[in-house]
Amino acid sequence: MLSCRDVTQLLSESMDTSLPIGKRIGVRVHLLMCKFCTRYERQLLLIRETVRRIVAAEEKPGEPPGETLSEEAKERIRKSLRNP
């Protein structure tokens, strides 16, 4: 049985390389029983996706990034900064 430390390390490793089938099965079995490692995996995937989106936005010069604040939101922030 893999420990949480083993699983988190393997999850990180699996983001870059494919794990052998035995390790993949061990990780999946552990994830079925451990909510903390499951949460860790979701966080890793979220970070990975966020970085991917940032890089994709930076690769398109001249185009605004897909997720920006609206002008209304920017103005509300400006007002709240002027009038704390």
Foldseek 3Di string as FASTA:
>chain_A
DDDLVRLLVVLVVCVPPPDPPVVVVVNVVVVVPDVVSVVSSVVVVVVVVVVVQVVVQVVDPPDHRPDDDDPVVVVVVVVVVVPD
